[in-house]
Amino acid sequence: MERLFAALNGPGDCANPQRKGLFAAVTDGHRPNNTIGGIPTIANDYSPLWDVNVYEWTPDAIAQGYRSQLREEFQILTLVQDGFLTGPGGSPFGSSGIIVNCPPVQRLF
């Protein structure tokens, strides 16, 4: 499975170039700009099954101005390791238990 990373409290609305997450999608009605672990046309082990990993920016990260649009799996995992991202409500980061079946492309060999 691929991981799909979804921010709960990402920054802003459509006018914000750093816009990201479920809060932004609910407030402005546009896509949430989630991040997936593997790029379908590049990753040889890509899977259309996506394991949803929901994260939140910590209050400390927001106060320090770190909240931004995250576009890469290892960037997100590093911020989790450094304590700037957690699971919802401060819970441990990881799988939400929700699996999305989304085969977006066909790989031609």
PDB file of N, CA and C in Angstrom:
ATOM      1  N   MET A   1       0.826  -1.188   0.000  1.00  0.00           N
ATOM      2  CA  MET A   1       0.000   0.000   0.000  1.00  0.00           C
ATOM      3  C   MET A   1       0.868   1.249   0.000  1.00  0.00           C
ATOM      4  N   GLU A   2       0.338   2.272  -0.588  1.00  0.00           N
ATOM      5  CA  GLU A   2       0.958   3.597  -0.510  1.00  0.00           C
ATOM      6  C   GLU A   2       0.351   4.329   0.674  1.00  0.00           C
ATOM      7  N   ARG A   3       1.096   5.253   1.225  1.00  0.00           N
ATOM      8  CA  ARG A   3       0.525   6.113   2.258  1.00  0.00           C
ATOM      9  C   ARG A   3      -0.030   7.368   1.594  1.00  0.00           C
ATOM     10  N   LEU A   4      -1.193   7.786   2.056  1.00  0.00           N
ATOM     11  CA  LEU A   4      -1.780   9.063   1.653  1.00  0.00           C
ATOM     12  C   LEU A   4      -1.772   9.925   2.904  1.00  0.00           C
ATOM     13  N   PHE A   5      -1.104  11.051   2.852  1.00  0.00           N
ATOM     14  CA  PHE A   5      -0.971  11.940   3.998  1.00  0.00           C
ATOM     15  C   PHE A   5      -1.977  13.072   3.863  1.00  0.00           C
ATOM     16  N   ALA A   6      -2.823  13.238   4.866  1.00  0.00           N
ATOM     17  CA  ALA A   6      -3.862  14.268   4.862  1.00  0.00           C
ATOM     18  C   ALA A   6      -3.707  15.149   6.102  1.00  0.00           C
ATOM     19  N   ALA A   7      -3.525  16.447   5.887  1.00  0.00           N
ATOM     20  CA  ALA A   7      -3.389  17.404   6.986  1.00  0.00           C
ATOM     21  C   ALA A   7      -4.766  17.806   7.492  1.00  0.00           C
ATOM     22  N   LEU A   8      -4.934  17.831   8.801  1.00  0.00           N
ATOM     23  CA  LEU A   8      -6.190  18.338   9.362  1.00  0.00           C
ATOM     24  C   LEU A   8      -6.186  19.856   9.445  1.00  0.00           C
ATOM     25  N   ASN A   9      -5.088  20.422   9.880  1.00  0.00           N
ATOM     26  CA  ASN A   9      -5.049  21.866  10.137  1.00  0.00           C
ATOM     27  C   ASN A   9      -3.951  22.555   9.321  1.00  0.00           C
ATOM     28  N   GLY A  10      -3.901  22.223   8.044  1.00  0.00           N
ATOM     29  CA  GLY A  10      -2.944  22.879   7.151  1.00  0.00           C
ATOM     30  C   GLY A  10      -3.288  24.346   6.972  1.00  0.00           C
ATOM     31  N   PRO A  11      -2.405  25.091   6.338  1.00  0.00           N
ATOM     32  CA  PRO A  11      -2.620  26.531   6.209  1.00  0.00           C
ATOM     33  C   PRO A  11      -3.654  26.923   5.161  1.00  0.00           C
ATOM     34  N   GLY A  12      -4.397  27.941   5.496  1.00  0.00           N
ATOM     35  CA  GLY A  12      -5.142  28.798   4.624  1.00  0.00           C
ATOM     36  C   GLY A  12      -6.253  28.356   3.709  1.00  0.00           C
ATOM     37  N   ASP A  13      -6.480  29.254   2.778  1.00  0.00           N
ATOM     38  CA  ASP A  13      -7.518  29.106   1.772  1.00  0.00           C
ATOM     39  C   ASP A  13      -6.869  29.238   0.394  1.00  0.00           C
ATOM     40  N   CYS A  14      -7.645  29.265  -0.660  1.00  0.00           N
ATOM     41  CA  CYS A  14      -7.100  29.287  -2.023  1.00  0.00           C
ATOM     42  C   CYS A  14      -6.164  30.463  -2.287  1.00  0.00           C
ATOM     43  N   ALA A  15      -6.318  31.571  -1.592  1.00  0.00           N
ATOM     44  CA  ALA A  15      -5.447  32.724  -1.796  1.00  0.00           C
ATOM     45  C   ALA A  15      -4.054  32.489  -1.204  1.00  0.00           C
ATOM     46  N   ASN A  16      -3.907  31.498  -0.351  1.00  0.00           N
ATOM     47  CA  ASN A  16      -2.635  31.200   0.299  1.00  0.00           C
ATOM     48  C   ASN A  16      -1.861  30.186  -0.549  1.00  0.00           C
ATOM     49  N   PRO A  17      -0.672  30.528  -1.043  1.00  0.00           N
ATOM     50  CA  PRO A  17       0.078  29.577  -1.865  1.00  0.00           C
ATOM     51  C   PRO A  17       0.523  28.337  -1.091  1.00  0.00           C
ATOM     52  N   GLN A  18       0.481  28.395   0.235  1.00  0.00           N
ATOM     53  CA  GLN A  18       0.846  27.248   1.070  1.00  0.00           C
ATOM     54  C   GLN A  18      -0.376  26.408   1.456  1.00  0.00           C
ATOM     55  N   ARG A  19      -1.534  26.712   0.882  1.00  0.00           N
ATOM     56  CA  ARG A  19      -2.803  26.049   1.201  1.00  0.00           C
ATOM     57  C   ARG A  19      -2.653  24.533   1.202  1.00  0.00           C
ATOM     58  N   LYS A  20      -3.204  23.879   2.240  1.00  0.00           N
ATOM     59  CA  LYS A  20      -3.081  22.427   2.356  1.00  0.00           C
ATOM     60  C   LYS A  20      -4.063  21.918   3.389  1.00  0.00           C
ATOM     61  N   GLY A  21      -4.679  20.779   3.129  1.00  0.00           N
ATOM     62  CA  GLY A  21      -5.374  20.046   4.164  1.00  0.00           C
ATOM     63  C   GLY A  21      -6.881  20.075   4.119  1.00  0.00           C
ATOM     64  N   LEU A  22      -7.437  19.288   5.038  1.00  0.00           N
ATOM     65  CA  LEU A  22      -8.881  19.107   5.099  1.00  0.00           C
ATOM     66  C   LEU A  22      -9.599  20.370   5.547  1.00  0.00           C
ATOM     67  N   PHE A  23      -9.010  21.132   6.482  1.00  0.00           N
ATOM     68  CA  PHE A  23      -9.626  22.382   6.924  1.00  0.00           C
ATOM     69  C   PHE A  23      -9.745  23.347   5.752  1.00  0.00           C
ATOM     70  N   ALA A  24      -8.683  23.464   4.957  1.00  0.00           N
ATOM     71  CA  ALA A  24      -8.719  24.357   3.794  1.00  0.00           C
ATOM     72  C   ALA A  24      -9.788  23.897   2.806  1.00  0.00           C
ATOM     73  N   ALA A  25      -9.894  22.588   2.579  1.00  0.00           N
ATOM     74  CA  ALA A  25     -10.885  22.059   1.627  1.00  0.00           C
ATOM     75  C   ALA A  25     -12.310  22.351   2.091  1.00  0.00           C
ATOM     76  N   VAL A  26     -12.552  22.226   3.382  1.00  0.00           N
ATOM     77  CA  VAL A  26     -13.895  22.481   3.915  1.00  0.00           C
ATOM     78  C   VAL A  26     -14.230  23.971   3.840  1.00  0.00           C
ATOM     79  N   THR A  27     -13.245  24.829   4.111  1.00  0.00           N
ATOM     80  CA  THR A  27     -13.533  26.265   4.148  1.00  0.00           C
ATOM     81  C   THR A  27     -13.615  26.908   2.771  1.00  0.00           C
ATOM     82  N   ASP A  28     -12.854  26.387   1.779  1.00  0.00           N
ATOM     83  CA  ASP A  28     -12.920  27.038   0.470  1.00  0.00           C
ATOM     84  C   ASP A  28     -13.510  26.158  -0.633  1.00  0.00           C
ATOM     85  N   GLY A  29     -13.807  24.892  -0.331  1.00  0.00           N
ATOM     86  CA  GLY A  29     -14.489  24.026  -1.285  1.00  0.00           C
ATOM     87  C   GLY A  29     -13.633  23.442  -2.392  1.00  0.00           C
ATOM     88  N   HIS A  30     -12.314  23.597  -2.295  1.00  0.00           N
ATOM     89  CA  HIS A  30     -11.426  23.046  -3.311  1.00  0.00           C
ATOM     90  C   HIS A  30     -10.679  21.829  -2.756  1.00  0.00           C
ATOM     91  N   ARG A  31      -9.932  21.144  -3.612  1.00  0.00           N
ATOM     92  CA  ARG A  31      -9.268  19.904  -3.199  1.00  0.00           C
ATOM     93  C   ARG A  31      -8.298  20.147  -2.047  1.00  0.00           C
ATOM     94  N   PRO A  32      -8.056  19.124  -1.224  1.00  0.00           N
ATOM     95  CA  PRO A  32      -7.223  19.311  -0.041  1.00  0.00           C
ATOM     96  C   PRO A  32      -5.715  19.286  -0.295  1.00  0.00           C
ATOM     97  N   ASN A  33      -5.263  18.927  -1.514  1.00  0.00           N
ATOM     98  CA  ASN A  33      -3.832  18.836  -1.808  1.00  0.00           C
ATOM     99  C   ASN A  33      -3.132  17.820  -0.908  1.00  0.00           C
ATOM    100  N   ASN A  34      -3.670  16.621  -0.821  1.00  0.00           N
ATOM    101  CA  ASN A  34      -3.035  15.568  -0.035  1.00  0.00           C
ATOM    102  C   ASN A  34      -1.732  15.138  -0.697  1.00  0.00           C
ATOM    103  N   THR A  35      -0.919  14.404   0.031  1.00  0.00           N
ATOM    104  CA  THR A  35       0.364  13.905  -0.469  1.00  0.00           C
ATOM    105  C   THR A  35       0.321  12.388  -0.460  1.00  0.00           C
ATOM    106  N   ILE A  36       0.796  11.754  -1.548  1.00  0.00           N
ATOM    107  CA  ILE A  36       0.886  10.294  -1.550  1.00  0.00           C
ATOM    108  C   ILE A  36       2.354   9.891  -1.497  1.00  0.00           C
ATOM    109  N   GLY A  37       2.589   8.686  -0.966  1.00  0.00           N
ATOM    110  CA  GLY A  37       3.949   8.214  -0.742  1.00  0.00           C
ATOM    111  C   GLY A  37       4.721   7.907  -2.002  1.00  0.00           C
ATOM    112  N   GLY A  38       4.070   7.411  -3.032  1.00  0.00           N
ATOM    113  CA  GLY A  38       4.771   7.047  -4.263  1.00  0.00           C
ATOM    114  C   GLY A  38       4.116   7.692  -5.464  1.00  0.00           C
ATOM    115  N   ILE A  39       4.919   8.124  -6.393  1.00  0.00           N
ATOM    116  CA  ILE A  39       4.395   8.748  -7.603  1.00  0.00           C
ATOM    117  C   ILE A  39       4.033   7.641  -8.588  1.00  0.00           C
ATOM    118  N   PRO A  40       2.773   7.577  -9.011  1.00  0.00           N
ATOM    119  CA  PRO A  40       2.298   6.454  -9.829  1.00  0.00           C
ATOM    120  C   PRO A  40       3.131   6.147 -11.063  1.00  0.00           C
ATOM    121  N   THR A  41       3.620   7.144 -11.755  1.00  0.00           N
ATOM    122  CA  THR A  41       4.346   6.883 -13.000  1.00  0.00           C
ATOM    123  C   THR A  41       5.837   6.647 -12.786  1.00  0.00           C
ATOM    124  N   ILE A  42       6.319   6.805 -11.548  1.00  0.00           N
ATOM    125  CA  ILE A  42       7.745   6.643 -11.267  1.00  0.00           C
ATOM    126  C   ILE A  42       8.019   5.437 -10.363  1.00  0.00           C
ATOM    127  N   ALA A  43       7.249   5.283  -9.292  1.00  0.00           N
ATOM    128  CA  ALA A  43       7.508   4.221  -8.312  1.00  0.00           C
ATOM    129  C   ALA A  43       7.160   2.845  -8.887  1.00  0.00           C
ATOM    130  N   ASN A  44       8.143   1.983  -8.994  1.00  0.00           N
ATOM    131  CA  ASN A  44       7.905   0.633  -9.517  1.00  0.00           C
ATOM    132  C   ASN A  44       7.012  -0.207  -8.617  1.00  0.00           C
ATOM    133  N   ASP A  45       6.987   0.123  -7.320  1.00  0.00           N
ATOM    134  CA  ASP A  45       6.165  -0.634  -6.369  1.00  0.00           C
ATOM    135  C   ASP A  45       4.864   0.090  -6.028  1.00  0.00           C
ATOM    136  N   TYR A  46       4.448   1.032  -6.869  1.00  0.00           N
ATOM    137  CA  TYR A  46       3.235   1.810  -6.616  1.00  0.00           C
ATOM    138  C   TYR A  46       2.017   0.895  -6.464  1.00  0.00           C
ATOM    139  N   SER A  47       1.141   1.244  -5.547  1.00  0.00           N
ATOM    140  CA  SER A  47      -0.104   0.512  -5.336  1.00  0.00           C
ATOM    141  C   SER A  47      -1.277   1.485  -5.382  1.00  0.00           C
ATOM    142  N   PRO A  48      -2.407   1.068  -5.972  1.00  0.00           N
ATOM    143  CA  PRO A  48      -3.595   1.935  -5.971  1.00  0.00           C
ATOM    144  C   PRO A  48      -4.320   1.926  -4.630  1.00  0.00           C
ATOM    145  N   LEU A  49      -3.878   1.091  -3.679  1.00  0.00           N
ATOM    146  CA  LEU A  49      -4.460   1.088  -2.348  1.00  0.00           C
ATOM    147  C   LEU A  49      -3.692   2.079  -1.490  1.00  0.00           C
ATOM    148  N   TRP A  50      -4.410   3.078  -0.976  1.00  0.00           N
ATOM    149  CA  TRP A  50      -3.788   4.137  -0.202  1.00  0.00           C
ATOM    150  C   TRP A  50      -4.229   4.043   1.254  1.00  0.00           C
ATOM    151  N   ASP A  51      -3.265   3.985   2.160  1.00  0.00           N
ATOM    152  CA  ASP A  51      -3.493   3.944   3.599  1.00  0.00           C
ATOM    153  C   ASP A  51      -3.473   5.381   4.109  1.00  0.00           C
ATOM    154  N   VAL A  52      -4.610   5.887   4.562  1.00  0.00           N
ATOM    155  CA  VAL A  52      -4.732   7.292   4.962  1.00  0.00           C
ATOM    156  C   VAL A  52      -4.042   7.523   6.310  1.00  0.00           C
ATOM    157  N   ASN A  53      -3.066   8.421   6.315  1.00  0.00           N
ATOM    158  CA  ASN A  53      -2.348   8.855   7.515  1.00  0.00           C
ATOM    159  C   ASN A  53      -2.689  10.326   7.736  1.00  0.00           C
ATOM    160  N   VAL A  54      -3.511  10.596   8.725  1.00  0.00           N
ATOM    161  CA  VAL A  54      -3.954  11.961   9.015  1.00  0.00           C
ATOM    162  C   VAL A  54      -2.983  12.583  10.022  1.00  0.00           C
ATOM    163  N   TYR A  55      -2.596  13.836   9.762  1.00  0.00           N
ATOM    164  CA  TYR A  55      -1.692  14.506  10.699  1.00  0.00           C
ATOM    165  C   TYR A  55      -2.191  15.910  11.016  1.00  0.00           C
ATOM    166  N   GLU A  56      -1.690  16.407  12.147  1.00  0.00           N
ATOM    167  CA  GLU A  56      -1.956  17.778  12.586  1.00  0.00           C
ATOM    168  C   GLU A  56      -0.642  18.465  12.908  1.00  0.00           C
ATOM    169  N   TRP A  57      -0.595  19.746  12.607  1.00  0.00           N
ATOM    170  CA  TRP A  57       0.522  20.554  13.068  1.00  0.00           C
ATOM    171  C   TRP A  57       0.337  20.803  14.556  1.00  0.00           C
ATOM    172  N   THR A  58       1.403  20.715  15.335  1.00  0.00           N
ATOM    173  CA  THR A  58       1.321  20.988  16.770  1.00  0.00           C
ATOM    174  C   THR A  58       1.196  22.492  16.990  1.00  0.00           C
ATOM    175  N   PRO A  59       0.635  22.897  18.130  1.00  0.00           N
ATOM    176  CA  PRO A  59       0.567  24.335  18.430  1.00  0.00           C
ATOM    177  C   PRO A  59       1.951  24.987  18.420  1.00  0.00           C
ATOM    178  N   ASP A  60       2.976  24.270  18.891  1.00  0.00           N
ATOM    179  CA  ASP A  60       4.332  24.807  18.898  1.00  0.00           C
ATOM    180  C   ASP A  60       4.837  25.052  17.474  1.00  0.00           C
ATOM    181  N   ALA A  61       4.582  24.111  16.566  1.00  0.00           N
ATOM    182  CA  ALA A  61       5.002  24.275  15.173  1.00  0.00           C
ATOM    183  C   ALA A  61       4.304  25.471  14.526  1.00  0.00           C
ATOM    184  N   ILE A  62       3.020  25.643  14.827  1.00  0.00           N
ATOM    185  CA  ILE A  62       2.268  26.780  14.276  1.00  0.00           C
ATOM    186  C   ILE A  62       2.815  28.091  14.832  1.00  0.00           C
ATOM    187  N   ALA A  63       3.067  28.121  16.157  1.00  0.00           N
ATOM    188  CA  ALA A  63       3.591  29.338  16.793  1.00  0.00           C
ATOM    189  C   ALA A  63       4.958  29.728  16.221  1.00  0.00           C
ATOM    190  N   GLN A  64       5.757  28.733  15.830  1.00  0.00           N
ATOM    191  CA  GLN A  64       7.088  29.006  15.273  1.00  0.00           C
ATOM    192  C   GLN A  64       7.040  29.286  13.763  1.00  0.00           C
ATOM    193  N   GLY A  65       5.843  29.232  13.174  1.00  0.00           N
ATOM    194  CA  GLY A  65       5.694  29.545  11.759  1.00  0.00           C
ATOM    195  C   GLY A  65       6.093  28.417  10.816  1.00  0.00           C
ATOM    196  N   TYR A  66       6.108  27.178  11.311  1.00  0.00           N
ATOM    197  CA  TYR A  66       6.506  26.038  10.483  1.00  0.00           C
ATOM    198  C   TYR A  66       5.390  25.503   9.594  1.00  0.00           C
ATOM    199  N   ARG A  67       4.150  25.805   9.929  1.00  0.00           N
ATOM    200  CA  ARG A  67       3.027  25.249   9.170  1.00  0.00           C
ATOM    201  C   ARG A  67       3.092  25.723   7.720  1.00  0.00           C
ATOM    202  N   SER A  68       3.135  24.762   6.807  1.00  0.00           N
ATOM    203  CA  SER A  68       3.264  25.066   5.383  1.00  0.00           C
ATOM    204  C   SER A  68       2.712  23.898   4.580  1.00  0.00           C
ATOM    205  N   GLN A  69       2.755  24.047   3.281  1.00  0.00           N
ATOM    206  CA  GLN A  69       2.296  22.973   2.407  1.00  0.00           C
ATOM    207  C   GLN A  69       3.405  21.928   2.300  1.00  0.00           C
ATOM    208  N   LEU A  70       3.097  20.695   2.659  1.00  0.00           N
ATOM    209  CA  LEU A  70       4.069  19.607   2.593  1.00  0.00           C
ATOM    210  C   LEU A  70       3.753  18.754   1.380  1.00  0.00           C
ATOM    211  N   ARG A  71       4.769  18.461   0.577  1.00  0.00           N
ATOM    212  CA  ARG A  71       4.532  17.782  -0.690  1.00  0.00           C
ATOM    213  C   ARG A  71       5.280  16.465  -0.838  1.00  0.00           C
ATOM    214  N   GLU A  72       6.015  16.042   0.185  1.00  0.00           N
ATOM    215  CA  GLU A  72       6.858  14.879   0.024  1.00  0.00           C
ATOM    216  C   GLU A  72       6.816  14.000   1.276  1.00  0.00           C
ATOM    217  N   GLU A  73       6.731  12.706   1.078  1.00  0.00           N
ATOM    218  CA  GLU A  73       6.576  11.732   2.166  1.00  0.00           C
ATOM    219  C   GLU A  73       7.650  11.880   3.244  1.00  0.00           C
ATOM    220  N   PHE A  74       8.912  11.951   2.861  1.00  0.00           N
ATOM    221  CA  PHE A  74       9.980  11.978   3.863  1.00  0.00           C
ATOM    222  C   PHE A  74      10.068  13.318   4.575  1.00  0.00           C
ATOM    223  N   GLN A  75       9.610  14.373   3.948  1.00  0.00           N
ATOM    224  CA  GLN A  75       9.493  15.665   4.623  1.00  0.00           C
ATOM    225  C   GLN A  75       8.473  15.542   5.762  1.00  0.00           C
ATOM    226  N   ILE A  76       7.348  14.918   5.486  1.00  0.00           N
ATOM    227  CA  ILE A  76       6.310  14.725   6.504  1.00  0.00           C
ATOM    228  C   ILE A  76       6.825  13.836   7.624  1.00  0.00           C
ATOM    229  N   LEU A  77       7.442  12.715   7.279  1.00  0.00           N
ATOM    230  CA  LEU A  77       7.932  11.779   8.291  1.00  0.00           C
ATOM    231  C   LEU A  77       9.020  12.406   9.165  1.00  0.00           C
ATOM    232  N   THR A  78       9.846  13.273   8.586  1.00  0.00           N
ATOM    233  CA  THR A  78      10.865  13.969   9.379  1.00  0.00           C
ATOM    234  C   THR A  78      10.217  14.919  10.372  1.00  0.00           C
ATOM    235  N   LEU A  79       9.182  15.640   9.946  1.00  0.00           N
ATOM    236  CA  LEU A  79       8.484  16.554  10.861  1.00  0.00           C
ATOM    237  C   LEU A  79       7.750  15.800  11.962  1.00  0.00           C
ATOM    238  N   VAL A  80       7.276  14.595  11.665  1.00  0.00           N
ATOM    239  CA  VAL A  80       6.686  13.739  12.711  1.00  0.00           C
ATOM    240  C   VAL A  80       7.780  13.366  13.711  1.00  0.00           C
ATOM    241  N   GLN A  81       8.904  12.910  13.213  1.00  0.00           N
ATOM    242  CA  GLN A  81      10.026  12.500  14.064  1.00  0.00           C
ATOM    243  C   GLN A  81      10.508  13.652  14.944  1.00  0.00           C
ATOM    244  N   ASP A  82      10.499  14.861  14.385  1.00  0.00           N
ATOM    245  CA  ASP A  82      10.959  16.030  15.123  1.00  0.00           C
ATOM    246  C   ASP A  82       9.903  16.607  16.066  1.00  0.00           C
ATOM    247  N   GLY A  83       8.686  16.035  16.060  1.00  0.00           N
ATOM    248  CA  GLY A  83       7.641  16.450  16.988  1.00  0.00           C
ATOM    249  C   GLY A  83       6.783  17.615  16.537  1.00  0.00           C
ATOM    250  N   PHE A  84       6.876  18.008  15.260  1.00  0.00           N
ATOM    251  CA  PHE A  84       6.076  19.125  14.771  1.00  0.00           C
ATOM    252  C   PHE A  84       4.734  18.683  14.191  1.00  0.00           C
ATOM    253  N   LEU A  85       4.597  17.401  13.878  1.00  0.00           N
ATOM    254  CA  LEU A  85       3.344  16.820  13.403  1.00  0.00           C
ATOM    255  C   LEU A  85       2.979  15.645  14.291  1.00  0.00           C
ATOM    256  N   THR A  86       1.676  15.498  14.545  1.00  0.00           N
ATOM    257  CA  THR A  86       1.167  14.358  15.317  1.00  0.00           C
ATOM    258  C   THR A  86      -0.058  13.811  14.603  1.00  0.00           C
ATOM    259  N   GLY A  87      -0.626  12.759  15.167  1.00  0.00           N
ATOM    260  CA  GLY A  87      -1.933  12.306  14.725  1.00  0.00           C
ATOM    261  C   GLY A  87      -2.991  13.267  15.241  1.00  0.00           C
ATOM    262  N   PRO A  88      -4.255  13.047  14.893  1.00  0.00           N
ATOM    263  CA  PRO A  88      -5.340  13.934  15.336  1.00  0.00           C
ATOM    264  C   PRO A  88      -5.379  14.082  16.854  1.00  0.00           C
ATOM    265  N   GLY A  89      -5.540  15.316  17.312  1.00  0.00           N
ATOM    266  CA  GLY A  89      -5.664  15.586  18.745  1.00  0.00           C
ATOM    267  C   GLY A  89      -4.424  15.273  19.554  1.00  0.00           C
ATOM    268  N   GLY A  90      -3.261  15.239  18.902  1.00  0.00           N
ATOM    269  CA  GLY A  90      -2.024  14.942  19.608  1.00  0.00           C
ATOM    270  C   GLY A  90      -1.736  13.460  19.755  1.00  0.00           C
ATOM    271  N   SER A  91      -2.563  12.615  19.156  1.00  0.00           N
ATOM    272  CA  SER A  91      -2.348  11.169  19.222  1.00  0.00           C
ATOM    273  C   SER A  91      -1.112  10.785  18.404  1.00  0.00           C
ATOM    274  N   PRO A  92      -0.594   9.570  18.606  1.00  0.00           N
ATOM    275  CA  PRO A  92       0.557   9.143  17.796  1.00  0.00           C
ATOM    276  C   PRO A  92       0.211   9.145  16.308  1.00  0.00           C
ATOM    277  N   PHE A  93       1.165   9.543  15.488  1.00  0.00           N
ATOM    278  CA  PHE A  93       0.987   9.568  14.044  1.00  0.00           C
ATOM    279  C   PHE A  93       0.999   8.145  13.498  1.00  0.00           C
ATOM    280  N   GLY A  94       0.166   7.889  12.496  1.00  0.00           N
ATOM    281  CA  GLY A  94       0.161   6.590  11.834  1.00  0.00           C
ATOM    282  C   GLY A  94      -1.107   6.382  11.037  1.00  0.00           C
ATOM    283  N   SER A  95      -1.347   5.145  10.696  1.00  0.00           N
ATOM    284  CA  SER A  95      -2.514   4.793   9.887  1.00  0.00           C
ATOM    285  C   SER A  95      -3.808   5.129  10.612  1.00  0.00           C
ATOM    286  N   SER A  96      -4.760   5.659   9.863  1.00  0.00           N
ATOM    287  CA  SER A  96      -6.081   5.940  10.434  1.00  0.00           C
ATOM    288  C   SER A  96      -6.973   4.702  10.379  1.00  0.00           C
ATOM    289  N   GLY A  97      -6.510   3.674   9.633  1.00  0.00           N
ATOM    290  CA  GLY A  97      -7.335   2.480   9.434  1.00  0.00           C
ATOM    291  C   GLY A  97      -8.249   2.599   8.229  1.00  0.00           C
ATOM    292  N   ILE A  98      -8.169   3.718   7.516  1.00  0.00           N
ATOM    293  CA  ILE A  98      -8.983   3.927   6.323  1.00  0.00           C
ATOM    294  C   ILE A  98      -8.125   3.623   5.102  1.00  0.00           C
ATOM    295  N   ILE A  99      -8.618   2.779   4.214  1.00  0.00           N
ATOM    296  CA  ILE A  99      -7.926   2.438   2.980  1.00  0.00           C
ATOM    297  C   ILE A  99      -8.743   2.975   1.808  1.00  0.00           C
ATOM    298  N   VAL A 100      -8.094   3.681   0.907  1.00  0.00           N
ATOM    299  CA  VAL A 100      -8.735   4.232  -0.284  1.00  0.00           C
ATOM    300  C   VAL A 100      -8.252   3.428  -1.485  1.00  0.00           C
ATOM    301  N   ASN A 101      -9.185   2.980  -2.318  1.00  0.00           N
ATOM    302  CA  ASN A 101      -8.826   2.276  -3.545  1.00  0.00           C
ATOM    303  C   ASN A 101      -8.941   3.285  -4.682  1.00  0.00           C
ATOM    304  N   CYS A 102      -7.788   3.720  -5.205  1.00  0.00           N
ATOM    305  CA  CYS A 102      -7.793   4.798  -6.186  1.00  0.00           C
ATOM    306  C   CYS A 102      -6.734   4.540  -7.259  1.00  0.00           C
ATOM    307  N   PRO A 103      -7.052   3.711  -8.247  1.00  0.00           N
ATOM    308  CA  PRO A 103      -6.066   3.480  -9.311  1.00  0.00           C
ATOM    309  C   PRO A 103      -6.115   4.628 -10.337  1.00  0.00           C
ATOM    310  N   PRO A 104      -5.269   5.665 -10.141  1.00  0.00           N
ATOM    311  CA  PRO A 104      -5.359   6.854 -10.982  1.00  0.00           C
ATOM    312  C   PRO A 104      -4.728   6.742 -12.352  1.00  0.00           C
ATOM    313  N   VAL A 105      -3.818   5.797 -12.560  1.00  0.00           N
ATOM    314  CA  VAL A 105      -3.112   5.717 -13.843  1.00  0.00           C
ATOM    315  C   VAL A 105      -2.894   4.270 -14.233  1.00  0.00           C
ATOM    316  N   GLN A 106      -2.556   4.088 -15.477  1.00  0.00           N
ATOM    317  CA  GLN A 106      -2.170   2.777 -15.964  1.00  0.00           C
ATOM    318  C   GLN A 106      -0.692   2.836 -16.292  1.00  0.00           C
ATOM    319  N   ARG A 107       0.073   1.887 -15.804  1.00  0.00           N
ATOM    320  CA  ARG A 107       1.510   1.858 -16.084  1.00  0.00           C
ATOM    321  C   ARG A 107       1.724   1.040 -17.351  1.00  0.00           C
ATOM    322  N   LEU A 108       2.394   1.634 -18.299  1.00  0.00           N
ATOM    323  CA  LEU A 108       2.715   0.942 -19.551  1.00  0.00           C
ATOM    324  C   LEU A 108       4.185   0.542 -19.519  1.00  0.00           C
ATOM    325  N   PHE A 109       4.449  -0.733 -19.687  1.00  0.00           N
ATOM    326  CA  PHE A 109       5.837  -1.211 -19.663  1.00  0.00           C
ATOM    327  C   PHE A 109       6.347  -1.431 -21.054  1.00  0.00           C
TER     328      PHE A 109
END
